[in-house]
Amino acid sequence: ETIKEARILIMRWIRAKQMQYMSLSSSERILKETLTAKEISEKTNKRSTEMYKRFCSKYETLREIEFYGLGAHTIKSAMWQMHKKNFGTVCNAACECAVNLGEITCS
């Protein structure tokens, strides 16, 4: 019963937002959609940056030992590009990149 009531409230809220959006002029709609796309882009960029930083911190010691004297940014960037190609854009504790290290250190 409570779940049904919650669903009804959510549907009413969604309908109210739709009506609010429909009442906007076409230029206001375009502006709102542009702002929404910009917000999504900013969130995506922020998430990508966080993943890159996490990846870099995970392999900082390896980079310092194996690639001593080479440009840090160049090495990290190349390794991240290989990671994205082979494992995707998420590098968390469950990521298998550490097990398959050769796939991100070879070019």
PDB file of N, CA and C in Angstrom:
ATOM      1  N   GLU A   1       0.832  -1.198   0.000  1.00  0.00           N
ATOM      2  CA  GLU A   1       0.000   0.000   0.000  1.00  0.00           C
ATOM      3  C   GLU A   1       0.876   1.261   0.000  1.00  0.00           C
ATOM      4  N   THR A   2       1.908   1.284   0.836  1.00  0.00           N
ATOM      5  CA  THR A   2       2.805   2.430   0.911  1.00  0.00           C
ATOM      6  C   THR A   2       3.585   2.591  -0.389  1.00  0.00           C
ATOM      7  N   ILE A   3       4.007   1.480  -0.980  1.00  0.00           N
ATOM      8  CA  ILE A   3       4.738   1.538  -2.251  1.00  0.00           C
ATOM      9  C   ILE A   3       3.842   2.098  -3.344  1.00  0.00           C
ATOM     10  N   LYS A   4       2.596   1.681  -3.350  1.00  0.00           N
ATOM     11  CA  LYS A   4       1.642   2.171  -4.346  1.00  0.00           C
ATOM     12  C   LYS A   4       1.451   3.683  -4.200  1.00  0.00           C
ATOM     13  N   GLU A   5       1.336   4.158  -2.972  1.00  0.00           N
ATOM     14  CA  GLU A   5       1.174   5.594  -2.721  1.00  0.00           C
ATOM     15  C   GLU A   5       2.421   6.360  -3.158  1.00  0.00           C
ATOM     16  N   ALA A   6       3.593   5.788  -2.889  1.00  0.00           N
ATOM     17  CA  ALA A   6       4.844   6.439  -3.291  1.00  0.00           C
ATOM     18  C   ALA A   6       4.925   6.536  -4.810  1.00  0.00           C
ATOM     19  N   ARG A   7       4.537   5.473  -5.493  1.00  0.00           N
ATOM     20  CA  ARG A   7       4.534   5.499  -6.958  1.00  0.00           C
ATOM     21  C   ARG A   7       3.600   6.578  -7.494  1.00  0.00           C
ATOM     22  N   ILE A   8       2.436   6.692  -6.888  1.00  0.00           N
ATOM     23  CA  ILE A   8       1.469   7.716  -7.308  1.00  0.00           C
ATOM     24  C   ILE A   8       2.059   9.108  -7.121  1.00  0.00           C
ATOM     25  N   LEU A   9       2.706   9.338  -5.979  1.00  0.00           N
ATOM     26  CA  LEU A   9       3.322  10.644  -5.721  1.00  0.00           C
ATOM     27  C   LEU A   9       4.434  10.937  -6.726  1.00  0.00           C
ATOM     28  N   ILE A  10       5.235   9.930  -7.016  1.00  0.00           N
ATOM     29  CA  ILE A  10       6.316  10.116  -7.989  1.00  0.00           C
ATOM     30  C   ILE A  10       5.744  10.432  -9.361  1.00  0.00           C
ATOM     31  N   MET A  11       4.723   9.707  -9.773  1.00  0.00           N
ATOM     32  CA  MET A  11       4.100   9.950 -11.080  1.00  0.00           C
ATOM     33  C   MET A  11       3.498  11.355 -11.145  1.00  0.00           C
ATOM     34  N   ARG A  12       2.896  11.804 -10.061  1.00  0.00           N
ATOM     35  CA  ARG A  12       2.347  13.171 -10.014  1.00  0.00           C
ATOM     36  C   ARG A  12       3.457  14.205 -10.140  1.00  0.00           C
ATOM     37  N   TRP A  13       4.565  13.952  -9.447  1.00  0.00           N
ATOM     38  CA  TRP A  13       5.700  14.885  -9.512  1.00  0.00           C
ATOM     39  C   TRP A  13       6.251  14.946 -10.934  1.00  0.00           C
ATOM     40  N   ILE A  14       6.419  13.771 -11.563  1.00  0.00           N
ATOM     41  CA  ILE A  14       6.915  13.725 -12.941  1.00  0.00           C
ATOM     42  C   ILE A  14       5.962  14.464 -13.865  1.00  0.00           C
ATOM     43  N   ARG A  15       4.676  14.231 -13.713  1.00  0.00           N
ATOM     44  CA  ARG A  15       3.668  14.905 -14.559  1.00  0.00           C
ATOM     45  C   ARG A  15       3.722  16.419 -14.358  1.00  0.00           C
ATOM     46  N   ALA A  16       3.892  16.853 -13.122  1.00  0.00           N
ATOM     47  CA  ALA A  16       3.984  18.290 -12.852  1.00  0.00           C
ATOM     48  C   ALA A  16       5.206  18.889 -13.531  1.00  0.00           C
ATOM     49  N   LYS A  17       6.332  18.178 -13.491  1.00  0.00           N
ATOM     50  CA  LYS A  17       7.543  18.662 -14.166  1.00  0.00           C
ATOM     51  C   LYS A  17       7.344  18.712 -15.674  1.00  0.00           C
ATOM     52  N   GLN A  18       6.657  17.705 -16.220  1.00  0.00           N
ATOM     53  CA  GLN A  18       6.385  17.696 -17.657  1.00  0.00           C
ATOM     54  C   GLN A  18       5.506  18.883 -18.044  1.00  0.00           C
ATOM     55  N   MET A  19       4.495  19.137 -17.244  1.00  0.00           N
ATOM     56  CA  MET A  19       3.595  20.272 -17.526  1.00  0.00           C
ATOM     57  C   MET A  19       4.354  21.598 -17.418  1.00  0.00           C
ATOM     58  N   GLN A  20       5.218  21.679 -16.436  1.00  0.00           N
ATOM     59  CA  GLN A  20       6.025  22.883 -16.255  1.00  0.00           C
ATOM     60  C   GLN A  20       6.917  23.088 -17.473  1.00  0.00           C
ATOM     61  N   TYR A  21       7.525  22.019 -17.965  1.00  0.00           N
ATOM     62  CA  TYR A  21       8.392  22.090 -19.139  1.00  0.00           C
ATOM     63  C   TYR A  21       7.590  22.477 -20.378  1.00  0.00           C
ATOM     64  N   MET A  22       6.411  21.895 -20.536  1.00  0.00           N
ATOM     65  CA  MET A  22       5.586  22.173 -21.710  1.00  0.00           C
ATOM     66  C   MET A  22       5.096  23.626 -21.733  1.00  0.00           C
ATOM     67  N   SER A  23       4.997  24.247 -20.579  1.00  0.00           N
ATOM     68  CA  SER A  23       4.538  25.628 -20.520  1.00  0.00           C
ATOM     69  C   SER A  23       5.620  26.627 -20.928  1.00  0.00           C
ATOM     70  N   LEU A  24       6.862  26.175 -21.057  1.00  0.00           N
ATOM     71  CA  LEU A  24       7.948  27.060 -21.472  1.00  0.00           C
ATOM     72  C   LEU A  24       7.848  27.372 -22.961  1.00  0.00           C
ATOM     73  N   SER A  25       8.341  28.529 -23.342  1.00  0.00           N
ATOM     74  CA  SER A  25       8.408  28.856 -24.764  1.00  0.00           C
ATOM     75  C   SER A  25       9.494  28.005 -25.408  1.00  0.00           C
ATOM     76  N   SER A  26       9.515  27.948 -26.720  1.00  0.00           N
ATOM     77  CA  SER A  26      10.502  27.109 -27.411  1.00  0.00           C
ATOM     78  C   SER A  26      11.930  27.562 -27.102  1.00  0.00           C
ATOM     79  N   SER A  27      12.164  28.870 -27.011  1.00  0.00           N
ATOM     80  CA  SER A  27      13.519  29.349 -26.704  1.00  0.00           C
ATOM     81  C   SER A  27      13.906  28.992 -25.276  1.00  0.00           C
ATOM     82  N   GLU A  28      12.945  29.030 -24.354  1.00  0.00           N
ATOM     83  CA  GLU A  28      13.231  28.640 -22.975  1.00  0.00           C
ATOM     84  C   GLU A  28      13.540  27.135 -22.891  1.00  0.00           C
ATOM     85  N   ARG A  29      12.827  26.342 -23.685  1.00  0.00           N
ATOM     86  CA  ARG A  29      13.077  24.894 -23.717  1.00  0.00           C
ATOM     87  C   ARG A  29      14.484  24.606 -24.228  1.00  0.00           C
ATOM     88  N   ILE A  30      14.857  25.290 -25.303  1.00  0.00           N
ATOM     89  CA  ILE A  30      16.194  25.092 -25.882  1.00  0.00           C
ATOM     90  C   ILE A  30      17.258  25.458 -24.856  1.00  0.00           C
ATOM     91  N   LEU A  31      17.065  26.590 -24.170  1.00  0.00           N
ATOM     92  CA  LEU A  31      18.020  27.017 -23.150  1.00  0.00           C
ATOM     93  C   LEU A  31      18.109  25.977 -22.042  1.00  0.00           C
ATOM     94  N   LYS A  32      16.967  25.476 -21.581  1.00  0.00           N
ATOM     95  CA  LYS A  32      16.941  24.474 -20.514  1.00  0.00           C
ATOM     96  C   LYS A  32      17.637  23.190 -20.960  1.00  0.00           C
ATOM     97  N   GLU A  33      17.382  22.747 -22.199  1.00  0.00           N
ATOM     98  CA  GLU A  33      18.022  21.535 -22.714  1.00  0.00           C
ATOM     99  C   GLU A  33      19.520  21.732 -22.858  1.00  0.00           C
ATOM    100  N   THR A  34      19.934  22.929 -23.286  1.00  0.00           N
ATOM    101  CA  THR A  34      21.351  23.227 -23.424  1.00  0.00           C
ATOM    102  C   THR A  34      22.035  23.189 -22.065  1.00  0.00           C
ATOM    103  N   LEU A  35      21.396  23.790 -21.069  1.00  0.00           N
ATOM    104  CA  LEU A  35      21.969  23.791 -19.726  1.00  0.00           C
ATOM    105  C   LEU A  35      22.053  22.365 -19.180  1.00  0.00           C
ATOM    106  N   THR A  36      21.023  21.566 -19.425  1.00  0.00           N
ATOM    107  CA  THR A  36      21.026  20.190 -18.960  1.00  0.00           C
ATOM    108  C   THR A  36      22.160  19.412 -19.628  1.00  0.00           C
ATOM    109  N   ALA A  37      22.344  19.584 -20.930  1.00  0.00           N
ATOM    110  CA  ALA A  37      23.425  18.905 -21.646  1.00  0.00           C
ATOM    111  C   ALA A  37      24.782  19.341 -21.104  1.00  0.00           C
ATOM    112  N   LYS A  38      24.901  20.632 -20.785  1.00  0.00           N
ATOM    113  CA  LYS A  38      26.156  21.149 -20.233  1.00  0.00           C
ATOM    114  C   LYS A  38      26.428  20.536 -18.858  1.00  0.00           C
ATOM    115  N   GLU A  39      25.386  20.430 -18.033  1.00  0.00           N
ATOM    116  CA  GLU A  39      25.546  19.826 -16.712  1.00  0.00           C
ATOM    117  C   GLU A  39      25.971  18.370 -16.826  1.00  0.00           C
ATOM    118  N   ILE A  40      25.358  17.646 -17.751  1.00  0.00           N
ATOM    119  CA  ILE A  40      25.714  16.242 -17.964  1.00  0.00           C
ATOM    120  C   ILE A  40      27.167  16.137 -18.409  1.00  0.00           C
ATOM    121  N   SER A  41      27.559  17.018 -19.325  1.00  0.00           N
ATOM    122  CA  SER A  41      28.934  17.017 -19.820  1.00  0.00           C
ATOM    123  C   SER A  41      29.917  17.298 -18.687  1.00  0.00           C
ATOM    124  N   GLU A  42      29.589  18.263 -17.830  1.00  0.00           N
ATOM    125  CA  GLU A  42      30.460  18.599 -16.707  1.00  0.00           C
ATOM    126  C   GLU A  42      30.580  17.431 -15.731  1.00  0.00           C
ATOM    127  N   LYS A  43      29.457  16.740 -15.456  1.00  0.00           N
ATOM    128  CA  LYS A  43      29.488  15.589 -14.558  1.00  0.00           C
ATOM    129  C   LYS A  43      30.320  14.466 -15.161  1.00  0.00           C
ATOM    130  N   THR A  44      30.167  14.255 -16.459  1.00  0.00           N
ATOM    131  CA  THR A  44      30.938  13.211 -17.143  1.00  0.00           C
ATOM    132  C   THR A  44      32.419  13.537 -17.092  1.00  0.00           C
ATOM    133  N   ASN A  45      32.770  14.787 -17.361  1.00  0.00           N
ATOM    134  CA  ASN A  45      34.177  15.196 -17.310  1.00  0.00           C
ATOM    135  C   ASN A  45      34.746  15.035 -15.905  1.00  0.00           C
ATOM    136  N   LYS A  46      33.955  15.391 -14.906  1.00  0.00           N
ATOM    137  CA  LYS A  46      34.406  15.270 -13.518  1.00  0.00           C
ATOM    138  C   LYS A  46      34.640  13.803 -13.176  1.00  0.00           C
ATOM    139  N   ARG A  47      33.719  12.936 -13.594  1.00  0.00           N
ATOM    140  CA  ARG A  47      33.852  11.500 -13.329  1.00  0.00           C
ATOM    141  C   ARG A  47      35.075  10.940 -14.040  1.00  0.00           C
ATOM    142  N   SER A  48      35.290  11.345 -15.288  1.00  0.00           N
ATOM    143  CA  SER A  48      36.455  10.879 -16.043  1.00  0.00           C
ATOM    144  C   SER A  48      37.748  11.301 -15.365  1.00  0.00           C
ATOM    145  N   THR A  49      37.790  12.529 -14.897  1.00  0.00           N
ATOM    146  CA  THR A  49      38.977  13.034 -14.196  1.00  0.00           C
ATOM    147  C   THR A  49      39.223  12.248 -12.916  1.00  0.00           C
ATOM    148  N   GLU A  50      38.154  11.955 -12.183  1.00  0.00           N
ATOM    149  CA  GLU A  50      38.297  11.181 -10.945  1.00  0.00           C
ATOM    150  C   GLU A  50      38.833   9.777 -11.242  1.00  0.00           C
ATOM    151  N   MET A  51      38.319   9.143 -12.292  1.00  0.00           N
ATOM    152  CA  MET A  51      38.795   7.809 -12.664  1.00  0.00           C
ATOM    153  C   MET A  51      40.272   7.852 -13.074  1.00  0.00           C
ATOM    154  N   TYR A  52      40.647   8.873 -13.836  1.00  0.00           N
ATOM    155  CA  TYR A  52      42.036   9.011 -14.267  1.00  0.00           C
ATOM    156  C   TYR A  52      42.952   9.197 -13.055  1.00  0.00           C
ATOM    157  N   LYS A  53      42.553  10.028 -12.110  1.00  0.00           N
ATOM    158  CA  LYS A  53      43.359  10.254 -10.906  1.00  0.00           C
ATOM    159  C   LYS A  53      43.488   8.976 -10.078  1.00  0.00           C
ATOM    160  N   ARG A  54      42.376   8.233  -9.961  1.00  0.00           N
ATOM    161  CA  ARG A  54      42.409   6.970  -9.223  1.00  0.00           C
ATOM    162  C   ARG A  54      43.363   5.987  -9.904  1.00  0.00           C
ATOM    163  N   PHE A  55      43.267   5.909 -11.227  1.00  0.00           N
ATOM    164  CA  PHE A  55      44.144   5.031 -12.002  1.00  0.00           C
ATOM    165  C   PHE A  55      45.605   5.419 -11.795  1.00  0.00           C
ATOM    166  N   CYS A  56      45.897   6.712 -11.903  1.00  0.00           N
ATOM    167  CA  CYS A  56      47.284   7.187 -11.750  1.00  0.00           C
ATOM    168  C   CYS A  56      47.838   6.873 -10.370  1.00  0.00           C
ATOM    169  N   SER A  57      47.034   7.068  -9.346  1.00  0.00           N
ATOM    170  CA  SER A  57      47.521   6.794  -7.993  1.00  0.00           C
ATOM    171  C   SER A  57      47.763   5.305  -7.793  1.00  0.00           C
ATOM    172  N   LYS A  58      46.986   4.479  -8.467  1.00  0.00           N
ATOM    173  CA  LYS A  58      47.124   3.027  -8.360  1.00  0.00           C
ATOM    174  C   LYS A  58      48.476   2.553  -8.904  1.00  0.00           C
ATOM    175  N   TYR A  59      48.959   3.208  -9.945  1.00  0.00           N
ATOM    176  CA  TYR A  59      50.177   2.774 -10.618  1.00  0.00           C
ATOM    177  C   TYR A  59      51.345   3.760 -10.492  1.00  0.00           C
ATOM    178  N   GLU A  60      51.278   4.678  -9.565  1.00  0.00           N
ATOM    179  CA  GLU A  60      52.331   5.685  -9.419  1.00  0.00           C
ATOM    180  C   GLU A  60      53.691   5.055  -9.113  1.00  0.00           C
ATOM    181  N   THR A  61      53.729   4.119  -8.183  1.00  0.00           N
ATOM    182  CA  THR A  61      54.997   3.479  -7.822  1.00  0.00           C
ATOM    183  C   THR A  61      55.566   2.697  -9.000  1.00  0.00           C
ATOM    184  N   LEU A  62      54.712   1.971  -9.698  1.00  0.00           N
ATOM    185  CA  LEU A  62      55.152   1.224 -10.873  1.00  0.00           C
ATOM    186  C   LEU A  62      55.744   2.167 -11.913  1.00  0.00           C
ATOM    187  N   ARG A  63      55.071   3.264 -12.155  1.00  0.00           N
ATOM    188  CA  ARG A  63      55.551   4.227 -13.147  1.00  0.00           C
ATOM    189  C   ARG A  63      56.904   4.792 -12.746  1.00  0.00           C
ATOM    190  N   GLU A  64      57.053   5.114 -11.461  1.00  0.00           N
ATOM    191  CA  GLU A  64      58.313   5.680 -10.983  1.00  0.00           C
ATOM    192  C   GLU A  64      59.481   4.694 -11.135  1.00  0.00           C
ATOM    193  N   ILE A  65      59.212   3.404 -10.915  1.00  0.00           N
ATOM    194  CA  ILE A  65      60.276   2.396 -11.001  1.00  0.00           C
ATOM    195  C   ILE A  65      60.550   1.998 -12.451  1.00  0.00           C
ATOM    196  N   GLU A  66      59.521   1.612 -13.159  1.00  0.00           N
ATOM    197  CA  GLU A  66      59.666   1.073 -14.513  1.00  0.00           C
ATOM    198  C   GLU A  66      59.998   2.121 -15.568  1.00  0.00           C
ATOM    199  N   PHE A  67      59.485   3.315 -15.381  1.00  0.00           N
ATOM    200  CA  PHE A  67      59.646   4.339 -16.413  1.00  0.00           C
ATOM    201  C   PHE A  67      60.404   5.545 -15.880  1.00  0.00           C
ATOM    202  N   TYR A  68      61.350   5.310 -14.982  1.00  0.00           N
ATOM    203  CA  TYR A  68      62.134   6.385 -14.379  1.00  0.00           C
ATOM    204  C   TYR A  68      62.811   7.216 -15.473  1.00  0.00           C
ATOM    205  N   GLY A  69      62.705   8.513 -15.350  1.00  0.00           N
ATOM    206  CA  GLY A  69      63.357   9.417 -16.289  1.00  0.00           C
ATOM    207  C   GLY A  69      62.508   9.788 -17.489  1.00  0.00           C
ATOM    208  N   LEU A  70      61.424   9.071 -17.708  1.00  0.00           N
ATOM    209  CA  LEU A  70      60.534   9.415 -18.824  1.00  0.00           C
ATOM    210  C   LEU A  70      59.450  10.360 -18.318  1.00  0.00           C
ATOM    211  N   GLY A  71      58.847  11.078 -19.225  1.00  0.00           N
ATOM    212  CA  GLY A  71      57.812  12.043 -18.845  1.00  0.00           C
ATOM    213  C   GLY A  71      56.648  11.381 -18.126  1.00  0.00           C
ATOM    214  N   ALA A  72      56.411  11.789 -16.895  1.00  0.00           N
ATOM    215  CA  ALA A  72      55.366  11.186 -16.062  1.00  0.00           C
ATOM    216  C   ALA A  72      53.997  11.288 -16.725  1.00  0.00           C
ATOM    217  N   HIS A  73      53.658  12.478 -17.196  1.00  0.00           N
ATOM    218  CA  HIS A  73      52.339  12.667 -17.799  1.00  0.00           C
ATOM    219  C   HIS A  73      52.177  11.812 -19.049  1.00  0.00           C
ATOM    220  N   THR A  74      53.210  11.740 -19.863  1.00  0.00           N
ATOM    221  CA  THR A  74      53.151  10.954 -21.098  1.00  0.00           C
ATOM    222  C   THR A  74      52.922   9.482 -20.797  1.00  0.00           C
ATOM    223  N   ILE A  75      53.624   8.953 -19.822  1.00  0.00           N
ATOM    224  CA  ILE A  75      53.487   7.542 -19.452  1.00  0.00           C
ATOM    225  C   ILE A  75      52.097   7.274 -18.879  1.00  0.00           C
ATOM    226  N   LYS A  76      51.674   8.113 -17.932  1.00  0.00           N
ATOM    227  CA  LYS A  76      50.355   7.915 -17.319  1.00  0.00           C
ATOM    228  C   LYS A  76      49.258   8.015 -18.363  1.00  0.00           C
ATOM    229  N   SER A  77      49.379   8.971 -19.247  1.00  0.00           N
ATOM    230  CA  SER A  77      48.376   9.157 -20.295  1.00  0.00           C
ATOM    231  C   SER A  77      48.324   7.951 -21.235  1.00  0.00           C
ATOM    232  N   ALA A  78      49.479   7.446 -21.632  1.00  0.00           N
ATOM    233  CA  ALA A  78      49.529   6.280 -22.524  1.00  0.00           C
ATOM    234  C   ALA A  78      48.939   5.045 -21.836  1.00  0.00           C
ATOM    235  N   MET A  79      49.269   4.864 -20.557  1.00  0.00           N
ATOM    236  CA  MET A  79      48.726   3.731 -19.819  1.00  0.00           C
ATOM    237  C   MET A  79      47.208   3.851 -19.681  1.00  0.00           C
ATOM    238  N   TRP A  80      46.718   5.053 -19.441  1.00  0.00           N
ATOM    239  CA  TRP A  80      45.270   5.270 -19.300  1.00  0.00           C
ATOM    240  C   TRP A  80      44.568   5.010 -20.634  1.00  0.00           C
ATOM    241  N   GLN A  81      45.169   5.434 -21.735  1.00  0.00           N
ATOM    242  CA  GLN A  81      44.578   5.170 -23.057  1.00  0.00           C
ATOM    243  C   GLN A  81      44.472   3.666 -23.296  1.00  0.00           C
ATOM    244  N   MET A  82      45.515   2.915 -22.942  1.00  0.00           N
ATOM    245  CA  MET A  82      45.477   1.461 -23.102  1.00  0.00           C
ATOM    246  C   MET A  82      44.439   0.831 -22.169  1.00  0.00           C
ATOM    247  N   HIS A  83      44.313   1.388 -20.962  1.00  0.00           N
ATOM    248  CA  HIS A  83      43.313   0.890 -20.017  1.00  0.00           C
ATOM    249  C   HIS A  83      41.921   1.087 -20.591  1.00  0.00           C
ATOM    250  N   LYS A  84      41.646   2.278 -21.107  1.00  0.00           N
ATOM    251  CA  LYS A  84      40.321   2.547 -21.676  1.00  0.00           C
ATOM    252  C   LYS A  84      40.030   1.608 -22.844  1.00  0.00           C
ATOM    253  N   LYS A  85      41.037   1.334 -23.639  1.00  0.00           N
ATOM    254  CA  LYS A  85      40.871   0.457 -24.797  1.00  0.00           C
ATOM    255  C   LYS A  85      40.590  -0.987 -24.361  1.00  0.00           C
ATOM    256  N   ASN A  86      41.322  -1.467 -23.367  1.00  0.00           N
ATOM    257  CA  ASN A  86      41.232  -2.875 -22.970  1.00  0.00           C
ATOM    258  C   ASN A  86      40.255  -3.174 -21.839  1.00  0.00           C
ATOM    259  N   PHE A  87      40.036  -2.198 -20.940  1.00  0.00           N
ATOM    260  CA  PHE A  87      39.222  -2.459 -19.761  1.00  0.00           C
ATOM    261  C   PHE A  87      38.065  -1.479 -19.568  1.00  0.00           C
ATOM    262  N   GLY A  88      38.059  -0.394 -20.311  1.00  0.00           N
ATOM    263  CA  GLY A  88      36.996   0.594 -20.157  1.00  0.00           C
ATOM    264  C   GLY A  88      37.437   1.802 -19.360  1.00  0.00           C
ATOM    265  N   THR A  89      36.498   2.691 -19.096  1.00  0.00           N
ATOM    266  CA  THR A  89      36.815   3.967 -18.452  1.00  0.00           C
ATOM    267  C   THR A  89      36.675   3.936 -16.935  1.00  0.00           C
ATOM    268  N   VAL A  90      36.389   2.770 -16.379  1.00  0.00           N
ATOM    269  CA  VAL A  90      36.259   2.654 -14.927  1.00  0.00           C
ATOM    270  C   VAL A  90      37.410   1.799 -14.404  1.00  0.00           C
ATOM    271  N   CYS A  91      38.115   2.334 -13.424  1.00  0.00           N
ATOM    272  CA  CYS A  91      39.202   1.594 -12.784  1.00  0.00           C
ATOM    273  C   CYS A  91      38.960   1.634 -11.283  1.00  0.00           C
ATOM    274  N   ASN A  92      38.337   0.586 -10.773  1.00  0.00           N
ATOM    275  CA  ASN A  92      38.050   0.527  -9.342  1.00  0.00           C
ATOM    276  C   ASN A  92      38.703  -0.712  -8.754  1.00  0.00           C
ATOM    277  N   ALA A  93      38.349  -1.070  -7.535  1.00  0.00           N
ATOM    278  CA  ALA A  93      38.961  -2.215  -6.865  1.00  0.00           C
ATOM    279  C   ALA A  93      38.690  -3.527  -7.595  1.00  0.00           C
ATOM    280  N   ALA A  94      37.582  -3.607  -8.324  1.00  0.00           N
ATOM    281  CA  ALA A  94      37.223  -4.835  -9.035  1.00  0.00           C
ATOM    282  C   ALA A  94      37.850  -4.913 -10.427  1.00  0.00           C
ATOM    283  N   CYS A  95      38.541  -3.880 -10.831  1.00  0.00           N
ATOM    284  CA  CYS A  95      39.128  -3.836 -12.171  1.00  0.00           C
ATOM    285  C   CYS A  95      40.227  -4.886 -12.295  1.00  0.00           C
ATOM    286  N   GLU A  96      40.258  -5.562 -13.433  1.00  0.00           N
ATOM    287  CA  GLU A  96      41.237  -6.630 -13.667  1.00  0.00           C
ATOM    288  C   GLU A  96      42.531  -6.125 -14.302  1.00  0.00           C
ATOM    289  N   CYS A  97      42.723  -4.833 -14.380  1.00  0.00           N
ATOM    290  CA  CYS A  97      43.912  -4.292 -15.037  1.00  0.00           C
ATOM    291  C   CYS A  97      45.204  -4.677 -14.322  1.00  0.00           C
ATOM    292  N   ALA A  98      45.162  -4.802 -13.004  1.00  0.00           N
ATOM    293  CA  ALA A  98      46.372  -5.162 -12.262  1.00  0.00           C
ATOM    294  C   ALA A  98      46.809  -6.591 -12.584  1.00  0.00           C
ATOM    295  N   VAL A  99      45.869  -7.482 -12.823  1.00  0.00           N
ATOM    296  CA  VAL A  99      46.160  -8.866 -13.155  1.00  0.00           C
ATOM    297  C   VAL A  99      46.743  -8.952 -14.575  1.00  0.00           C
ATOM    298  N   ASN A 100      46.280  -8.086 -15.441  1.00  0.00           N
ATOM    299  CA  ASN A 100      46.712  -8.068 -16.834  1.00  0.00           C
ATOM    300  C   ASN A 100      47.549  -6.819 -17.120  1.00  0.00           C
ATOM    301  N   LEU A 101      48.533  -6.584 -16.310  1.00  0.00           N
ATOM    302  CA  LEU A 101      49.340  -5.372 -16.372  1.00  0.00           C
ATOM    303  C   LEU A 101      49.996  -5.155 -17.731  1.00  0.00           C
ATOM    304  N   GLY A 102      50.372  -6.221 -18.393  1.00  0.00           N
ATOM    305  CA  GLY A 102      51.012  -6.110 -19.700  1.00  0.00           C
ATOM    306  C   GLY A 102      50.145  -5.426 -20.743  1.00  0.00           C
ATOM    307  N   GLU A 103      48.839  -5.486 -20.553  1.00  0.00           N
ATOM    308  CA  GLU A 103      47.934  -4.885 -21.524  1.00  0.00           C
ATOM    309  C   GLU A 103      47.859  -3.354 -21.419  1.00  0.00           C
ATOM    310  N   ILE A 104      48.342  -2.812 -20.322  1.00  0.00           N
ATOM    311  CA  ILE A 104      48.325  -1.349 -20.197  1.00  0.00           C
ATOM    312  C   ILE A 104      49.718  -0.746 -20.209  1.00  0.00           C
ATOM    313  N   THR A 105      50.760  -1.583 -20.150  1.00  0.00           N
ATOM    314  CA  THR A 105      52.107  -1.040 -20.154  1.00  0.00           C
ATOM    315  C   THR A 105      52.801  -1.222 -21.491  1.00  0.00           C
ATOM    316  N   CYS A 106      52.233  -1.997 -22.388  1.00  0.00           N
ATOM    317  CA  CYS A 106      52.813  -2.191 -23.722  1.00  0.00           C
ATOM    318  C   CYS A 106      52.099  -1.301 -24.722  1.00  0.00           C
ATOM    319  N   SER A 107      52.836  -0.743 -25.653  1.00  0.00           N
ATOM    320  CA  SER A 107      52.183   0.080 -26.657  1.00  0.00           C
ATOM    321  C   SER A 107      52.300  -0.553 -28.017  1.00  0.00           C
TER     322      SER A 107
END
